[in-house]
């Protein structure tokens, strides 16, 4: 049975969630201000205001016509430089916000909003709830008149009832605000599903949801907002988080109890940006990731490292196309290929290498196989060892991956840039647990892996349970004598066990791994996700 996907948002680009070649991923954290009528901040306390439902039919209106009228005033189009989606105007404590899915604005701290023909640039994300996949943006300035839709509360939603959705599927990017109209679709309520691990109820319907519709409203046959569309299961079913769960998420966010999560700044002038940073890469297999926010004008950027002999630099745009590569990239790739040849890798690059395998190609061959024919501007960007100069088109975010070459010592590399950048990852998030412990960790595009260290006795049997609300989780265990790079970059190595069975959970979102320690020592459990979105993961360790 296929797993559900939360990709009911429209994508501008195919995000580089795993790094182009040697690095392990890129995307990150930030903070922006809002304008054109949206202001940041959150209420100290929350009260659900009794707002009349503007979607109730008037006069001879049919339910569908009433929802069209309602949607024109209250359903918003959201976009970042990567994706677009849908939002709903709601009200709390006399302040009005835009409600959407967290994965619509992920991994950014703001989104541009178009509502009823008006544009609100860089509306700030107030907070997120990763369990329900809910984000809240705003609030609107008090003098801005917008029409909120009340959440239905705990109303009965029966199988066979009519169901309607409102959203912006398959919209072109940079649309004319005056031309935008939310799309209405109709189907029937299928059933309710409950994720007991996370205590979230989903409403299942056969209303078509496609790219761009995430964060839109699910309405019942009386025009009440009973859920927010979030996931699809193939092309057969759609799922919406129920209104009572959303209500609780909103209250939690406004009370300051939302989830902590990394969010990229979209502001090239943000005070979070730096122009120099020292990166500590203690172990082979660790890497760092930086991002340069987009700017309105084309720019020439120079990045320099003081350890050209120890690290590689890989600069890409959000489409994964190379803008600049350090000349030692080929050396780094050849080192990885050597590991594959001696059996410590899983053959991750086999699809690029062809039938002849690693012995018949060079690092340069593999780079060209991955990127295609490279422009001279890419291959000649390194003006001297460790210094890359490259052009960045207007409105384009830049990703920089920094990887260490093989060496016997830890690397402390200082990077300097002519424009501000944000460090989104250095190495991997790590925590220490004991058998019997449990924890919650966050995976994100900037933090695609989390490593749990556990001290185990020889012969001891350990079981790892991992569950996420919607993410497709995979687990691997690294014995004490296996290095990080084999397990992380290749997903294998002698003694490394990987698990991605997806056999349990309401959306096949739970994994279990059991291993017996052949020797005493510290074992590393790698927790990863395949969808590449920010997700909460619950981890529990037990010993037999």
Protein backbone atom coordinates (compact mmCIF):
# COMPACT_ATOMS: atom_id res chain seq x y z
CA UNK A 1 0.00 0.00 0.00
CA UNK A 2 1.37 3.40 -0.95
CA UNK A 3 2.16 5.97 1.69
CA UNK A 4 0.43 9.36 1.77
CA UNK A 5 2.27 12.45 0.72
CA UNK A 6 2.05 16.02 1.92
CA UNK A 7 3.21 17.38 -1.43
CA UNK A 8 -0.11 18.99 -2.24
CA UNK A 9 1.74 22.27 -2.59
CA UNK A 10 3.05 23.57 -5.90
CA UNK A 11 6.82 23.56 -6.35
CA UNK A 12 8.83 26.13 -8.26
CA UNK A 13 11.91 23.95 -8.15
CA UNK A 14 12.86 20.43 -7.25
CA UNK A 15 14.44 21.20 -3.88
CA UNK A 16 17.93 19.95 -3.22
CA UNK A 17 17.05 18.06 -0.07
CA UNK A 18 20.06 15.81 -0.32
CA UNK A 19 23.21 17.55 -1.48
CA UNK A 20 24.22 17.40 -5.13
CA UNK A 21 27.24 15.13 -4.67
CA UNK A 22 29.24 14.96 -1.51
CA UNK A 23 27.27 16.99 0.99
CA UNK A 24 24.28 15.82 2.98
CA UNK A 25 21.59 18.44 2.52
CA UNK A 26 20.74 22.08 2.43
CA UNK A 27 18.03 24.40 3.67
CA UNK A 28 17.87 26.27 7.00
CA UNK A 29 16.76 29.08 9.44
CA UNK A 30 15.67 32.74 9.56
CA UNK A 31 13.46 35.74 10.42
CA UNK A 32 11.78 38.50 8.42
CA UNK A 33 9.43 41.45 8.87
CA UNK A 34 6.12 41.90 7.11
CA UNK A 35 4.61 44.87 5.35
CA UNK A 36 1.69 45.92 3.16
CA UNK A 37 -0.68 45.42 6.05
CA UNK A 38 0.74 42.45 7.93
CA UNK A 39 2.53 42.87 11.24
CA UNK A 40 4.38 40.39 13.44
CA UNK A 41 3.64 39.46 17.03
CA UNK A 42 1.28 37.15 18.86
CA UNK A 43 -1.40 37.47 21.50
CA UNK A 44 -0.53 36.71 25.12
CA UNK A 45 -3.76 34.80 25.60
CA UNK A 46 -6.16 33.30 23.12
CA UNK A 47 -9.91 33.34 22.96
CA UNK A 48 -11.97 31.79 20.20
CA UNK A 49 -14.08 34.67 18.92
CA UNK A 50 -17.64 33.90 17.87
CA UNK A 51 -17.37 34.89 14.21
CA UNK A 52 -20.46 34.52 11.99
CA UNK A 53 -19.87 32.03 9.21
CA UNK A 54 -19.65 34.05 5.95
CA UNK A 55 -19.98 30.80 3.97
CA UNK A 56 -23.63 30.24 4.92
CA UNK A 57 -25.86 30.43 1.80
CA UNK A 58 -27.80 33.64 1.41
CA UNK A 59 -31.20 33.77 -0.25
CA UNK A 60 -31.34 31.31 -3.16
CA UNK A 61 -27.58 30.59 -3.16
CA UNK A 62 -26.54 26.98 -3.54
CA UNK A 63 -23.92 25.69 -1.12
CA UNK A 64 -21.28 25.73 -3.85
CA UNK A 65 -22.08 29.32 -4.87
CA UNK A 66 -21.96 30.43 -1.24
CA UNK A 67 -18.51 28.87 -0.84
CA UNK A 68 -17.28 30.57 -4.00
CA UNK A 69 -18.37 33.94 -2.63
CA UNK A 70 -16.85 33.14 0.75
CA UNK A 71 -13.60 31.90 -0.78
CA UNK A 72 -13.10 35.03 -2.86
CA UNK A 73 -12.95 37.07 0.34
CA UNK A 74 -11.31 34.69 2.80
CA UNK A 75 -9.10 32.14 1.00
CA UNK A 76 -5.52 33.36 0.44
CA UNK A 77 -2.80 32.42 -2.05
CA UNK A 78 0.59 31.91 -0.37
CA UNK A 79 3.99 31.73 -2.03
CA UNK A 80 7.70 31.70 -1.34
CA UNK A 81 10.51 31.51 -3.87
CA UNK A 82 10.12 27.71 -3.86
CA UNK A 83 6.47 26.79 -3.46
CA UNK A 84 2.90 28.01 -3.39
CA UNK A 85 -0.11 26.95 -1.40
CA UNK A 86 -3.35 28.08 0.19
CA UNK A 87 -4.32 29.79 3.44
CA UNK A 88 -7.51 30.68 5.32
CA UNK A 89 -8.24 33.92 7.19
CA UNK A 90 -9.16 33.24 10.82
CA UNK A 91 -9.63 35.38 13.92
CA UNK A 92 -8.32 35.11 17.47
CA UNK A 93 -8.64 37.81 20.16
CA UNK A 94 -9.88 40.32 17.58
CA UNK A 95 -6.72 39.80 15.53
CA UNK A 96 -6.80 38.19 12.12
CA UNK A 97 -4.30 35.66 10.85
CA UNK A 98 -3.68 33.37 7.89
CA UNK A 99 -3.92 29.68 8.72
CA UNK A 100 -2.10 27.18 6.48
CA UNK A 101 -0.08 23.96 6.52
CA UNK A 102 3.41 24.10 7.98
CA UNK A 103 4.74 22.32 4.89
CA UNK A 104 3.48 25.17 2.69
CA UNK A 105 5.83 27.71 4.26
CA UNK A 106 8.55 25.18 5.14
CA UNK A 107 11.45 25.96 5.37
CA UNK A 108 10.89 29.72 5.50
CA UNK A 109 9.98 32.23 8.19
CA UNK A 110 7.56 34.21 6.01
CA UNK A 111 5.42 33.96 2.91
CA UNK A 112 3.89 36.39 0.43
CA UNK A 113 0.11 36.48 0.66
CA UNK A 114 -2.48 37.51 -1.92
CA UNK A 115 -6.00 37.90 -0.59
CA UNK A 116 -9.00 39.38 -2.42
CA UNK A 117 -6.73 41.05 -4.97
CA UNK A 118 -4.42 42.62 -2.35
CA UNK A 119 -0.79 41.63 -1.75
CA UNK A 120 0.86 41.34 1.67
CA UNK A 121 4.60 40.80 1.26
CA UNK A 122 6.67 38.71 3.66
CA UNK A 123 3.91 37.98 6.18
CA UNK A 124 5.68 36.60 9.22
CA UNK A 125 5.21 33.05 10.48
CA UNK A 126 3.98 33.33 14.07
CA UNK A 127 4.59 29.65 14.80
CA UNK A 128 3.99 26.06 13.75
CA UNK A 129 2.62 22.82 15.15
CA UNK A 130 4.51 19.98 13.48
CA UNK A 131 2.13 17.28 14.73
CA UNK A 132 -0.90 18.75 12.97
CA UNK A 133 1.18 20.35 10.17
CA UNK A 134 -0.30 23.76 10.98
CA UNK A 135 1.30 27.20 10.62
CA UNK A 136 -0.05 30.62 11.55
CA UNK A 137 1.00 33.83 9.79
CA UNK A 138 0.30 37.47 10.63
CA UNK A 139 -1.48 39.14 12.21
CA UNK A 140 -2.91 41.64 9.75
CA UNK A 141 -2.68 45.27 10.77
CA UNK A 142 -5.78 46.39 12.66
CA UNK A 143 -6.83 48.81 9.92
CA UNK A 144 -6.86 46.08 7.24
CA UNK A 145 -10.36 44.72 6.59
CA UNK A 146 -10.38 40.99 5.93
CA UNK A 147 -13.15 38.43 6.38
CA UNK A 148 -12.33 35.56 8.79
CA UNK A 149 -13.93 32.12 8.58
CA UNK A 150 -14.69 30.41 11.91
CA UNK A 151 -13.54 26.84 12.52
CA UNK A 152 -16.52 24.56 12.93
CA UNK A 153 -15.51 23.08 16.27
CA UNK A 154 -16.54 19.60 17.28
CA UNK A 155 -19.38 19.02 14.82
CA UNK A 156 -20.53 15.70 13.44
CA UNK A 157 -19.07 14.86 10.06
CA UNK A 158 -20.81 11.76 8.73
CA UNK A 159 -19.80 9.37 5.99
CA UNK A 160 -21.61 10.15 2.79
CA UNK A 161 -22.02 13.87 3.53
CA UNK A 162 -21.10 16.31 0.81
CA UNK A 163 -17.60 17.75 1.05
CA UNK A 164 -16.10 20.82 -0.60
CA UNK A 165 -12.59 22.22 -0.84
CA UNK A 166 -11.37 25.70 -1.65
CA UNK A 167 -7.79 26.38 -2.68
CA UNK A 168 -5.32 27.35 -5.38
CA UNK A 169 -4.25 24.19 -7.21
CA UNK A 170 -1.82 24.42 -10.13
CA UNK A 171 -1.61 28.21 -10.08
CA UNK A 172 1.15 29.87 -12.09
CA UNK A 173 3.86 31.58 -10.09
CA UNK A 174 3.82 35.35 -9.82
CA UNK A 175 0.14 35.51 -10.78
CA UNK A 176 -1.67 38.79 -11.28
CA UNK A 177 -3.47 39.33 -7.95
CA UNK A 178 -6.59 40.52 -9.77
CA UNK A 179 -6.76 37.28 -11.76
CA UNK A 180 -6.52 34.89 -8.81
CA UNK A 181 -9.64 32.93 -7.96
CA UNK A 182 -9.81 30.02 -5.51
CA UNK A 183 -10.91 26.74 -7.08
CA UNK A 184 -13.86 24.86 -5.62
CA UNK A 185 -14.15 21.09 -5.78
CA UNK A 186 -16.81 18.73 -4.52
CA UNK A 187 -16.92 15.14 -3.28
CA UNK A 188 -18.12 13.10 -0.34
CA UNK A 189 -16.84 12.47 3.16
CA UNK A 190 -15.37 8.99 3.32
CA UNK A 191 -14.50 8.43 6.98
CA UNK A 192 -12.45 9.66 9.90
CA UNK A 193 -8.99 8.31 10.75
CA UNK A 194 -7.24 8.82 14.07
CA UNK A 195 -3.51 8.74 14.64
CA UNK A 196 -3.55 7.46 18.21
CA UNK A 197 0.16 8.06 18.73
CA UNK A 198 -0.26 11.80 18.15
CA UNK A 199 -3.99 12.11 18.99
CA UNK A 200 -4.90 13.74 15.69
CA UNK A 201 -8.09 13.12 13.72
CA UNK A 202 -8.08 13.29 9.92
CA UNK A 203 -11.14 13.64 7.70
CA UNK A 204 -10.89 11.50 4.60
CA UNK A 205 -12.74 12.47 1.42
CA UNK A 206 -12.54 11.85 -2.30
CA UNK A 207 -12.34 15.55 -3.13
CA UNK A 208 -9.43 16.04 -5.49
CA UNK A 209 -6.44 17.80 -3.91
CA UNK A 210 -3.44 18.64 -6.04
CA UNK A 211 -0.34 20.82 -5.97
CA UNK A 212 -1.03 24.26 -4.46
CA UNK A 213 -4.10 23.23 -2.49
CA UNK A 214 -2.35 22.40 0.79
CA UNK A 215 -3.58 24.65 3.57
CA UNK A 216 -6.98 25.15 1.97
CA UNK A 217 -10.34 24.58 3.61
CA UNK A 218 -12.44 21.44 3.79
CA UNK A 219 -16.12 22.40 4.18
CA UNK A 220 -19.11 20.24 5.01
CA UNK A 221 -22.54 20.29 3.37
CA UNK A 222 -23.60 23.21 5.57
CA UNK A 223 -20.61 25.34 4.59
CA UNK A 224 -18.79 24.91 7.89
CA UNK A 225 -14.98 24.82 7.93
CA UNK A 226 -14.41 21.33 9.32
CA UNK A 227 -10.75 20.84 8.39
CA UNK A 228 -7.62 22.01 6.61
CA UNK A 229 -6.45 19.96 3.64
CA UNK A 230 -3.02 18.46 4.19
CA UNK A 231 -2.25 15.08 2.61
CA UNK A 232 -3.21 12.97 -0.36
CA UNK A 233 -3.09 9.21 -0.79
CA UNK A 234 -2.23 8.68 -4.45
CA UNK A 235 -5.01 10.16 -6.52
CA UNK A 236 -7.76 8.37 -4.63
CA UNK A 237 -8.18 10.11 -1.27
CA UNK A 238 -7.45 13.38 0.47
CA UNK A 239 -6.96 14.00 4.17
CA UNK A 240 -7.71 17.10 6.21
CA UNK A 241 -6.77 17.78 9.83
CA UNK A 242 -9.99 18.17 11.83
CA UNK A 243 -11.13 21.57 13.09
CA UNK A 244 -10.89 20.71 16.83
CA UNK A 245 -7.25 19.65 16.39
CA UNK A 246 -6.52 22.85 14.47
CA UNK A 247 -8.15 24.92 17.22
CA UNK A 248 -5.83 23.37 19.80
CA UNK A 249 -2.82 23.98 17.54
CA UNK A 250 -3.69 27.65 17.10
CA UNK A 251 -4.10 28.11 20.85
CA UNK A 252 -0.75 26.43 21.44
CA UNK A 253 1.05 28.56 18.86
CA UNK A 254 -0.39 31.84 20.17
CA UNK A 255 0.46 30.84 23.74
CA UNK A 256 4.09 30.47 22.66
CA UNK A 257 4.03 26.68 22.86
CA UNK A 258 4.48 25.93 19.17
CA UNK A 259 7.31 23.74 17.95
CA UNK A 260 10.85 25.01 17.63
CA UNK A 261 11.92 24.61 14.05
CA UNK A 262 14.58 25.92 11.66
CA UNK A 263 13.31 28.53 9.20
CA UNK A 264 15.25 30.24 6.44
CA UNK A 265 15.26 34.00 6.28
CA UNK A 266 14.01 35.39 2.97
CA UNK A 267 15.44 38.83 3.71
CA UNK A 268 18.89 39.60 2.18
CA UNK A 269 19.27 42.39 4.77
CA UNK A 270 18.38 40.27 7.80
CA UNK A 271 20.50 40.82 10.90
CA UNK A 272 20.79 37.04 11.17
CA UNK A 273 23.19 37.00 8.24
CA UNK A 274 26.97 36.96 8.70
CA UNK A 275 29.87 37.41 6.29
CA UNK A 276 32.37 35.17 8.10
CA UNK A 277 32.03 31.97 10.12
CA UNK A 278 34.32 29.21 11.39
CA UNK A 279 32.99 25.69 10.76
CA UNK A 280 34.13 22.73 12.88
CA UNK A 281 34.04 19.43 10.99
CA UNK A 282 35.35 16.94 13.50
CA UNK A 283 34.65 13.67 11.71
CA UNK A 284 34.78 12.48 8.13
CA UNK A 285 31.19 12.38 6.91
CA UNK A 286 30.27 15.64 8.57
CA UNK A 287 29.53 18.64 6.41
CA UNK A 288 28.22 22.17 6.71
CA UNK A 289 25.55 24.01 4.75
CA UNK A 290 25.08 27.72 4.16
CA UNK A 291 22.43 29.68 2.34
CA UNK A 292 22.42 33.14 0.76
CA UNK A 293 18.90 34.67 0.56
CA UNK A 294 17.65 35.96 -2.79
CA UNK A 295 18.02 39.62 -3.69
CA UNK A 296 16.13 41.76 -6.17
CA UNK A 297 19.26 42.46 -8.25
CA UNK A 298 21.83 40.23 -9.91
CA UNK A 299 24.98 39.94 -7.78
CA UNK A 300 28.60 38.88 -8.08
CA UNK A 301 29.55 36.87 -4.98
CA UNK A 302 32.97 35.74 -3.74
CA UNK A 303 33.36 33.02 -1.11
CA UNK A 304 36.73 32.14 0.41
CA UNK A 305 37.93 29.42 2.77
CA UNK A 306 41.23 29.37 4.61
CA UNK A 307 41.40 25.57 4.35
CA UNK A 308 41.33 24.97 0.61
CA UNK A 309 43.38 21.79 1.09
CA UNK A 310 40.90 20.31 3.58
CA UNK A 311 37.38 21.15 2.37
CA UNK A 312 35.41 21.25 -0.86
CA UNK A 313 32.95 24.00 -1.83
CA UNK A 314 29.84 23.30 -3.88
CA UNK A 315 27.53 26.19 -4.81
CA UNK A 316 24.11 25.46 -6.31
CA UNK A 317 20.82 27.20 -7.01
CA UNK A 318 17.46 25.88 -5.73
CA UNK A 319 17.07 23.84 -8.90
CA UNK A 320 20.21 21.90 -8.07
CA UNK A 321 22.23 23.45 -10.91
CA UNK A 322 25.87 24.19 -10.13
CA UNK A 323 26.95 27.83 -9.95
CA UNK A 324 30.52 27.15 -8.79
CA UNK A 325 32.60 24.12 -7.75
CA UNK A 326 36.00 24.07 -6.10
CA UNK A 327 38.65 22.28 -8.16
CA UNK A 328 39.18 19.67 -5.44
CA UNK A 329 35.58 18.41 -5.80
CA UNK A 330 36.91 15.69 -8.08
CA UNK A 331 39.34 14.62 -5.36
CA UNK A 332 36.55 14.41 -2.82
CA UNK A 333 34.40 12.34 -5.15
CA UNK A 334 37.30 10.00 -5.93
CA UNK A 335 37.80 9.43 -2.20
CA UNK A 336 34.17 8.37 -1.91
CA UNK A 337 34.49 6.17 -4.99
CA UNK A 338 37.51 4.47 -3.43
CA UNK A 339 35.37 3.61 -0.42
CA UNK A 340 32.79 2.13 -2.76
CA UNK A 341 35.44 0.07 -4.50
CA UNK A 342 36.71 -1.45 -1.25
CA UNK A 343 33.21 -2.46 -0.22
CA UNK A 344 32.46 0.20 2.37
CA UNK A 345 29.77 1.85 0.24
CA UNK A 346 26.45 0.61 -1.09
CA UNK A 347 26.90 1.64 -4.72
CA UNK A 348 24.83 4.81 -4.35
CA UNK A 349 26.22 6.20 -7.61
CA UNK A 350 25.68 3.04 -9.71
CA UNK A 351 22.95 4.66 -11.79
CA UNK A 352 25.40 7.38 -12.83
CA UNK A 353 28.42 5.12 -13.32
CA UNK A 354 26.90 2.60 -15.72
CA UNK A 355 27.98 -1.02 -16.13
CA UNK A 356 31.73 -0.37 -15.89
CA UNK A 357 31.53 0.75 -12.25
CA UNK A 358 33.90 2.84 -10.14
CA UNK A 359 37.14 1.51 -11.59
CA UNK A 360 36.46 2.94 -15.04
CA UNK A 361 35.64 6.56 -14.15
CA UNK A 362 37.23 9.58 -12.50
CA UNK A 363 35.76 12.06 -10.05
CA UNK A 364 35.37 14.52 -12.90
CA UNK A 365 33.41 11.90 -14.86
CA UNK A 366 31.00 11.46 -11.99
CA UNK A 367 30.56 15.21 -11.47
CA UNK A 368 29.70 15.63 -15.15
CA UNK A 369 27.40 12.61 -15.03
CA UNK A 370 25.51 14.24 -12.18
CA UNK A 371 25.42 17.84 -13.38
CA UNK A 372 25.70 17.38 -17.11
CA UNK A 373 28.07 19.51 -19.14
CA UNK A 374 29.26 22.36 -16.95
CA UNK A 375 29.66 25.93 -18.14
CA UNK A 376 33.09 27.50 -18.00
CA UNK A 377 31.72 29.93 -15.41
CA UNK A 378 31.27 26.96 -13.07
CA UNK A 379 34.56 25.19 -13.66
CA UNK A 380 36.58 28.42 -13.72
CA UNK A 381 34.88 30.06 -10.71
CA UNK A 382 37.86 29.21 -8.49
CA UNK A 383 40.19 32.16 -9.11
CA UNK A 384 42.72 30.79 -6.60
CA UNK A 385 42.65 27.80 -4.22
CA UNK A 386 39.72 28.19 -1.85
CA UNK A 387 38.26 31.29 -3.53
CA UNK A 388 35.12 31.05 -5.70
CA UNK A 389 33.63 34.01 -7.58
CA UNK A 390 30.27 33.51 -9.29
CA UNK A 391 27.19 35.31 -10.58
CA UNK A 392 23.85 34.96 -8.79
CA UNK A 393 20.72 35.82 -10.83
CA UNK A 394 18.13 38.13 -9.31
CA UNK A 395 15.57 36.53 -6.99
CA UNK A 396 17.69 33.37 -6.62
CA UNK A 397 18.65 31.67 -3.38
CA UNK A 398 22.13 30.14 -3.23
CA UNK A 399 23.11 26.97 -1.37
CA UNK A 400 26.71 26.30 -0.37
CA UNK A 401 27.82 22.85 0.81
CA UNK A 402 31.14 22.52 2.62
CA UNK A 403 32.61 19.01 2.97
CA UNK A 404 35.88 17.89 4.46
CA UNK A 405 38.32 15.74 2.55
CA UNK A 406 39.84 12.67 4.14
CA UNK A 407 42.38 13.57 6.82
CA UNK A 408 43.52 12.37 10.21
CA UNK A 409 42.60 15.55 12.05
CA UNK A 410 39.49 17.60 12.66
CA UNK A 411 39.01 20.59 10.37
CA UNK A 412 38.32 24.15 11.51
CA UNK A 413 37.56 26.03 8.29
CA UNK A 414 36.73 29.73 8.22
CA UNK A 415 34.47 30.93 5.39
CA UNK A 416 34.20 34.53 4.29
CA UNK A 417 31.68 35.97 1.80
CA UNK A 418 31.17 39.32 0.13
CA UNK A 419 27.43 39.04 0.88
CA UNK A 420 25.59 37.92 3.99
CA UNK A 421 24.88 34.23 4.48
CA UNK A 422 23.22 32.04 7.06
CA UNK A 423 24.77 28.89 8.51
CA UNK A 424 22.01 26.33 8.46
CA UNK A 425 23.90 23.21 9.49
CA UNK A 426 27.29 22.13 10.80
CA UNK A 427 27.51 18.36 11.19
CA UNK A 428 24.38 16.65 12.50
CA UNK A 429 22.10 17.06 15.48
CA UNK A 430 23.11 14.53 18.13
CA UNK A 431 21.56 13.38 21.39
CA UNK A 432 22.36 10.69 23.95
CA UNK A 433 19.76 8.25 25.22
CA UNK A 434 19.73 5.13 27.38
CA UNK A 435 17.53 2.04 26.96
CA UNK A 436 14.14 2.94 28.40
CA UNK A 437 14.44 6.59 27.34
CA UNK A 438 12.24 8.40 24.82
CA UNK A 439 12.67 11.71 23.05
CA UNK A 440 11.27 13.95 20.34
CA UNK A 441 13.60 15.16 17.58
CA UNK A 442 13.05 17.44 14.61
CA UNK A 443 14.13 16.57 11.09
CA UNK A 444 14.28 19.38 8.56
CA UNK A 445 15.69 20.13 5.12
CA UNK A 446 18.60 21.73 6.95
CA UNK A 447 18.83 18.83 9.43
CA UNK A 448 17.95 15.74 7.38
CA UNK A 449 19.46 13.34 9.91
CA UNK A 450 19.51 13.04 13.69
CA UNK A 451 22.04 10.80 15.42
CA UNK A 452 21.26 9.15 18.74
CA UNK A 453 24.16 7.75 20.74
CA UNK A 454 23.50 4.85 23.09
CA UNK A 455 25.96 2.87 25.23
CA UNK A 456 25.28 -0.86 24.79
CA UNK A 457 26.74 -3.97 26.43
CA UNK A 458 27.93 -6.92 24.36
CA UNK A 459 25.03 -9.25 23.58
CA UNK A 460 22.40 -6.68 24.59
CA UNK A 461 19.34 -6.47 22.33
CA UNK A 462 18.06 -2.95 21.66
CA UNK A 463 14.79 -1.99 19.95
CA UNK A 464 14.32 1.45 18.42
CA UNK A 465 10.80 2.71 17.68
CA UNK A 466 10.36 5.87 15.60
CA UNK A 467 7.06 7.49 14.67
CA UNK A 468 6.26 10.71 12.79
CA UNK A 469 2.88 12.29 11.96
CA UNK A 470 3.43 11.96 8.19
CA UNK A 471 7.13 11.70 7.38
CA UNK A 472 8.50 8.49 5.84
CA UNK A 473 11.05 7.50 8.48
CA UNK A 474 14.12 5.32 7.98
CA UNK A 475 16.53 4.06 10.65
CA UNK A 476 20.11 2.81 10.60
CA UNK A 477 22.39 1.62 13.39
CA UNK A 478 26.15 2.20 13.22
CA UNK A 479 28.37 -0.09 15.33
CA UNK A 480 31.26 1.48 17.29
CA UNK A 481 33.90 0.42 14.75
CA UNK A 482 32.14 1.83 11.65
CA UNK A 483 32.85 5.41 10.63
CA UNK A 484 30.14 7.97 10.06
CA UNK A 485 30.75 8.61 6.38
CA UNK A 486 30.08 5.03 5.27
CA UNK A 487 26.80 4.87 7.11
CA UNK A 488 25.59 8.39 6.37
CA UNK A 489 26.68 9.03 2.80
CA UNK A 490 26.16 5.52 1.49
CA UNK A 491 23.54 4.27 3.92
CA UNK A 492 25.61 1.17 4.51
CA UNK A 493 28.90 -0.20 5.73
CA UNK A 494 30.07 -3.40 7.29
CA UNK A 495 27.80 -4.10 10.25
CA UNK A 496 25.37 -1.28 9.41
CA UNK A 497 21.69 -2.21 9.36
CA UNK A 498 19.06 -0.08 7.61
CA UNK A 499 15.30 -0.27 8.12
CA UNK A 500 12.59 1.33 5.97
CA UNK A 501 9.69 -1.10 6.12
CA UNK A 502 6.77 1.28 6.75
CA UNK A 503 4.73 -1.54 8.19
CA UNK A 504 2.76 0.22 10.91
CA UNK A 505 1.00 3.45 11.84
CA UNK A 506 -2.18 4.87 10.30
CA UNK A 507 -0.16 6.27 7.40
CA UNK A 508 2.62 3.66 7.52
CA UNK A 509 4.64 6.26 9.40
CA UNK A 510 6.20 4.10 12.11
CA UNK A 511 9.49 2.21 11.95
CA UNK A 512 11.10 -0.31 14.28
CA UNK A 513 14.69 -1.50 14.33
CA UNK A 514 16.07 -4.22 16.60
CA UNK A 515 19.75 -5.08 16.85
CA UNK A 516 22.00 -7.17 19.07
CA UNK A 517 25.35 -5.66 20.00
CA UNK A 518 28.26 -7.83 18.94
CA UNK A 519 30.58 -5.85 21.18
CA UNK A 520 30.26 -3.29 23.95
CA UNK A 521 30.50 0.36 23.01
CA UNK A 522 28.61 3.41 21.83
CA UNK A 523 26.27 2.65 18.95
CA UNK A 524 24.88 5.45 16.77
CA UNK A 525 21.30 5.29 15.57
CA UNK A 526 20.67 7.43 12.49
CA UNK A 527 17.12 8.76 12.09
CA UNK A 528 16.25 10.17 8.67
CA UNK A 529 13.25 11.17 6.59
CA UNK A 530 12.59 10.77 2.89
CA UNK A 531 10.08 13.55 2.22
CA UNK A 532 12.59 16.23 3.17
CA UNK A 533 10.13 18.36 5.12
CA UNK A 534 10.34 19.60 8.68
CA UNK A 535 8.85 16.88 10.86
CA UNK A 536 8.63 15.85 14.49
CA UNK A 537 9.80 12.29 15.23
CA UNK A 538 9.15 10.43 18.46
CA UNK A 539 11.91 8.01 19.44
CA UNK A 540 11.78 5.28 22.08
CA UNK A 541 14.58 2.87 23.06
CA UNK A 542 14.02 -0.38 24.90
CA UNK A 543 16.24 -3.31 25.90
CA UNK A 544 15.23 -6.96 25.91
